[in-house]
């Protein structure tokens, strides 16, 4: 069971705001909260889901880094393909 986190309202956002920041639908975040297994977990307060800005920022940085790695690999594959076709 996840440990309870100290709630600091000023450092959290609603599901709708978190979804916009993560470029996801609010329902996706609700599923993460309901079923677990999502990359971040909400803070539950008075029946509402709140999402820590710190967690959102960490996830955004991770996804941006993964996206950059994928772009670099694609560029390397394209270069290799061009070199092979130029060498033949």
N, C-alpha and C. Protein backbone atom coordinates (compact mmCIF):
# COMPACT_ATOMS: atom_id res chain seq x y z
N UNK A 1 0.85 -1.17 0.00
CA UNK A 1 0.00 0.00 0.00
C UNK A 1 0.90 1.24 0.00
N UNK A 2 0.60 2.23 -0.90
CA UNK A 2 1.44 3.41 -0.94
C UNK A 2 1.33 4.20 0.36
N UNK A 3 2.44 4.80 0.73
CA UNK A 3 2.43 5.58 1.96
C UNK A 3 1.69 6.90 1.74
N UNK A 4 0.97 7.36 2.74
CA UNK A 4 0.26 8.63 2.60
C UNK A 4 1.25 9.78 2.43
N UNK A 5 0.88 10.73 1.62
CA UNK A 5 1.74 11.88 1.40
C UNK A 5 1.12 13.10 2.04
N UNK A 6 1.97 13.98 2.51
CA UNK A 6 1.47 15.22 3.08
C UNK A 6 0.84 16.04 1.97
N UNK A 7 -0.35 16.48 2.20
CA UNK A 7 -1.10 17.22 1.18
C UNK A 7 -0.75 18.70 1.24
N UNK A 8 -0.24 19.22 0.16
CA UNK A 8 0.02 20.64 0.03
C UNK A 8 -0.77 21.11 -1.18
N UNK A 9 -1.94 21.66 -0.93
CA UNK A 9 -2.88 22.01 -2.00
C UNK A 9 -2.24 22.90 -3.06
N UNK A 10 -1.36 23.78 -2.66
CA UNK A 10 -0.76 24.71 -3.61
C UNK A 10 0.16 24.02 -4.60
N UNK A 11 0.59 22.81 -4.29
CA UNK A 11 1.50 22.09 -5.18
C UNK A 11 0.81 20.95 -5.90
N UNK A 12 -0.52 21.01 -5.98
CA UNK A 12 -1.28 19.97 -6.67
C UNK A 12 -2.23 20.61 -7.68
N UNK A 13 -2.68 19.79 -8.61
CA UNK A 13 -3.66 20.24 -9.60
C UNK A 13 -4.77 19.20 -9.70
N UNK A 14 -5.88 19.60 -10.28
CA UNK A 14 -7.00 18.69 -10.48
C UNK A 14 -6.68 17.71 -11.60
N UNK A 15 -7.52 16.72 -11.73
CA UNK A 15 -7.33 15.72 -12.79
C UNK A 15 -7.37 16.38 -14.16
N UNK A 16 -8.30 17.30 -14.36
CA UNK A 16 -8.41 17.98 -15.65
C UNK A 16 -7.14 18.75 -15.98
N UNK A 17 -6.60 19.48 -15.00
CA UNK A 17 -5.38 20.25 -15.23
C UNK A 17 -4.18 19.33 -15.45
N UNK A 18 -4.09 18.25 -14.68
CA UNK A 18 -2.99 17.31 -14.84
C UNK A 18 -3.04 16.66 -16.22
N UNK A 19 -4.22 16.31 -16.68
CA UNK A 19 -4.37 15.70 -18.00
C UNK A 19 -3.88 16.66 -19.08
N UNK A 20 -4.23 17.92 -18.95
CA UNK A 20 -3.78 18.91 -19.94
C UNK A 20 -2.27 19.03 -19.93
N UNK A 21 -1.66 19.06 -18.75
CA UNK A 21 -0.20 19.17 -18.64
C UNK A 21 0.52 17.95 -19.21
N UNK A 22 -0.13 16.79 -19.11
CA UNK A 22 0.49 15.55 -19.57
C UNK A 22 0.05 15.15 -20.98
N UNK A 23 -0.78 15.97 -21.59
CA UNK A 23 -1.30 15.69 -22.93
C UNK A 23 -2.01 14.33 -22.95
N UNK A 24 -2.85 14.12 -21.95
CA UNK A 24 -3.65 12.90 -21.82
C UNK A 24 -5.09 13.31 -21.57
N UNK A 25 -5.99 12.36 -21.70
CA UNK A 25 -7.39 12.62 -21.37
C UNK A 25 -7.58 12.43 -19.87
N UNK A 26 -8.48 13.20 -19.26
CA UNK A 26 -8.74 13.04 -17.83
C UNK A 26 -9.11 11.60 -17.46
N UNK A 27 -9.82 10.92 -18.34
CA UNK A 27 -10.21 9.55 -18.04
C UNK A 27 -9.00 8.63 -17.90
N UNK A 28 -7.95 8.91 -18.64
CA UNK A 28 -6.72 8.11 -18.51
C UNK A 28 -6.16 8.23 -17.10
N UNK A 29 -6.13 9.45 -16.58
CA UNK A 29 -5.62 9.64 -15.23
C UNK A 29 -6.53 9.00 -14.19
N UNK A 30 -7.83 9.04 -14.44
CA UNK A 30 -8.76 8.38 -13.51
C UNK A 30 -8.53 6.87 -13.50
N UNK A 31 -8.24 6.32 -14.67
CA UNK A 31 -7.93 4.88 -14.73
C UNK A 31 -6.66 4.57 -13.96
N UNK A 32 -5.63 5.40 -14.10
CA UNK A 32 -4.40 5.20 -13.34
C UNK A 32 -4.73 5.16 -11.85
N UNK A 33 -5.61 6.08 -11.42
CA UNK A 33 -5.96 6.16 -10.01
C UNK A 33 -6.77 4.95 -9.57
N UNK A 34 -7.70 4.51 -10.40
CA UNK A 34 -8.61 3.42 -10.04
C UNK A 34 -7.92 2.07 -10.07
N UNK A 35 -7.21 1.79 -11.14
CA UNK A 35 -6.62 0.46 -11.33
C UNK A 35 -5.17 0.38 -10.89
N UNK A 36 -4.55 1.51 -10.68
CA UNK A 36 -3.13 1.51 -10.32
C UNK A 36 -2.29 1.21 -11.55
N UNK A 37 -1.01 1.13 -11.37
CA UNK A 37 -0.11 0.80 -12.48
C UNK A 37 0.24 1.96 -13.37
N UNK A 38 -0.30 3.14 -13.08
CA UNK A 38 0.05 4.31 -13.89
C UNK A 38 1.42 4.83 -13.49
N UNK A 39 2.00 5.69 -14.29
CA UNK A 39 3.34 6.20 -13.99
C UNK A 39 3.38 7.14 -12.78
N UNK A 40 2.23 7.73 -12.43
CA UNK A 40 2.16 8.55 -11.22
C UNK A 40 0.86 8.21 -10.49
N UNK A 41 0.83 8.51 -9.21
CA UNK A 41 -0.34 8.22 -8.39
C UNK A 41 -0.91 9.52 -7.83
N UNK A 42 -2.23 9.59 -7.74
CA UNK A 42 -2.84 10.82 -7.20
C UNK A 42 -2.83 10.83 -5.68
N UNK A 43 -3.14 11.98 -5.15
CA UNK A 43 -3.39 12.16 -3.73
C UNK A 43 -4.91 12.26 -3.61
N UNK A 44 -5.48 11.48 -2.76
CA UNK A 44 -6.93 11.52 -2.58
C UNK A 44 -7.26 12.44 -1.41
N UNK A 45 -8.17 13.37 -1.66
CA UNK A 45 -8.56 14.31 -0.62
C UNK A 45 -10.05 14.59 -0.72
N UNK A 46 -10.79 14.20 0.30
CA UNK A 46 -12.23 14.45 0.36
C UNK A 46 -12.94 13.94 -0.89
N UNK A 47 -12.57 12.75 -1.34
CA UNK A 47 -13.22 12.14 -2.50
C UNK A 47 -12.75 12.67 -3.84
N UNK A 48 -11.77 13.51 -3.83
CA UNK A 48 -11.25 14.07 -5.09
C UNK A 48 -9.83 13.57 -5.32
N UNK A 49 -9.46 13.59 -6.59
CA UNK A 49 -8.09 13.23 -6.96
C UNK A 49 -7.30 14.50 -7.20
N UNK A 50 -6.16 14.59 -6.57
CA UNK A 50 -5.24 15.69 -6.80
C UNK A 50 -3.91 15.11 -7.24
N UNK A 51 -3.25 15.80 -8.13
CA UNK A 51 -2.01 15.30 -8.72
C UNK A 51 -0.88 16.25 -8.37
N UNK A 52 0.19 15.71 -7.83
CA UNK A 52 1.33 16.54 -7.41
C UNK A 52 2.07 17.08 -8.63
N UNK A 53 2.30 18.38 -8.63
CA UNK A 53 3.03 19.00 -9.74
C UNK A 53 4.43 18.43 -9.87
N UNK A 54 5.03 18.07 -8.76
CA UNK A 54 6.37 17.47 -8.78
C UNK A 54 6.36 16.16 -9.59
N UNK A 55 5.34 15.33 -9.37
CA UNK A 55 5.23 14.07 -10.11
C UNK A 55 4.98 14.31 -11.60
N UNK A 56 4.14 15.29 -11.88
CA UNK A 56 3.82 15.62 -13.28
C UNK A 56 5.08 16.09 -14.00
N UNK A 57 5.83 16.97 -13.35
CA UNK A 57 7.05 17.49 -13.98
C UNK A 57 8.08 16.37 -14.20
N UNK A 58 8.21 15.49 -13.23
CA UNK A 58 9.15 14.37 -13.36
C UNK A 58 8.75 13.49 -14.55
N UNK A 59 7.45 13.21 -14.68
CA UNK A 59 6.98 12.38 -15.79
C UNK A 59 7.19 13.09 -17.12
N UNK A 60 6.94 14.38 -17.18
CA UNK A 60 7.15 15.13 -18.42
C UNK A 60 8.61 15.10 -18.84
N UNK A 61 9.53 15.28 -17.88
CA UNK A 61 10.96 15.24 -18.20
C UNK A 61 11.36 13.86 -18.71
N UNK A 62 10.86 12.83 -18.05
CA UNK A 62 11.17 11.46 -18.47
C UNK A 62 10.67 11.21 -19.89
N UNK A 63 9.44 11.59 -20.16
CA UNK A 63 8.87 11.37 -21.50
C UNK A 63 9.61 12.16 -22.56
N UNK A 64 10.01 13.39 -22.23
CA UNK A 64 10.77 14.19 -23.20
C UNK A 64 12.12 13.54 -23.49
N UNK A 65 12.77 13.02 -22.46
CA UNK A 65 14.05 12.35 -22.66
C UNK A 65 13.88 11.10 -23.52
N UNK A 66 12.82 10.33 -23.27
CA UNK A 66 12.55 9.13 -24.07
C UNK A 66 12.26 9.51 -25.52
N UNK A 67 11.52 10.58 -25.71
CA UNK A 67 11.18 11.04 -27.07
C UNK A 67 12.45 11.45 -27.82
N UNK A 68 13.36 12.15 -27.12
CA UNK A 68 14.62 12.56 -27.75
C UNK A 68 15.47 11.36 -28.13
N UNK A 69 15.52 10.36 -27.25
CA UNK A 69 16.28 9.14 -27.56
C UNK A 69 15.71 8.46 -28.80
N UNK A 70 14.40 8.38 -28.87
CA UNK A 70 13.76 7.73 -30.03
C UNK A 70 14.06 8.51 -31.31
N UNK A 71 14.05 9.83 -31.24
CA UNK A 71 14.35 10.65 -32.42
C UNK A 71 15.80 10.46 -32.86
N UNK A 72 16.71 10.38 -31.90
CA UNK A 72 18.12 10.17 -32.23
C UNK A 72 18.32 8.81 -32.89
N UNK A 73 17.67 7.78 -32.37
CA UNK A 73 17.78 6.46 -32.98
C UNK A 73 17.23 6.46 -34.40
N UNK A 74 16.12 7.14 -34.60
CA UNK A 74 15.52 7.21 -35.93
C UNK A 74 16.46 7.92 -36.90
N UNK A 75 17.11 8.99 -36.43
CA UNK A 75 18.06 9.70 -37.28
C UNK A 75 19.26 8.83 -37.61
N UNK A 76 19.75 8.07 -36.65
CA UNK A 76 20.87 7.17 -36.89
C UNK A 76 20.50 6.10 -37.90
N UNK A 77 19.29 5.54 -37.77
CA UNK A 77 18.84 4.53 -38.75
C UNK A 77 18.74 5.12 -40.14
N UNK A 78 18.23 6.35 -40.22
CA UNK A 78 18.09 7.01 -41.52
C UNK A 78 19.46 7.26 -42.14
N UNK A 79 20.43 7.70 -41.34
CA UNK A 79 21.79 7.92 -41.84
C UNK A 79 22.39 6.61 -42.34
N UNK A 80 22.24 5.56 -41.56
CA UNK A 80 22.78 4.25 -41.95
C UNK A 80 22.14 3.78 -43.25
N UNK A 81 20.87 3.99 -43.39
CA UNK A 81 20.15 3.58 -44.59
C UNK A 81 20.66 4.37 -45.80
N UNK A 82 20.88 5.66 -45.62
CA UNK A 82 21.38 6.49 -46.71
C UNK A 82 22.78 6.07 -47.09
N UNK A 83 23.62 5.73 -46.11
CA UNK A 83 24.98 5.32 -46.40
C UNK A 83 24.99 4.00 -47.16
N UNK A 84 24.11 3.08 -46.76
CA UNK A 84 24.04 1.77 -47.46
C UNK A 84 23.58 1.97 -48.90
N UNK A 85 22.59 2.84 -49.09
CA UNK A 85 22.08 3.03 -50.46
C UNK A 85 23.07 3.79 -51.31
N UNK A 86 23.86 4.67 -50.71
CA UNK A 86 24.89 5.42 -51.43
C UNK A 86 26.11 4.56 -51.76
N UNK A 87 26.36 3.55 -50.94
CA UNK A 87 27.52 2.68 -51.13
C UNK A 87 27.28 1.63 -52.20
N UNK A 88 26.01 1.35 -52.51
CA UNK A 88 25.74 0.30 -53.49
C UNK A 88 25.88 0.75 -54.88
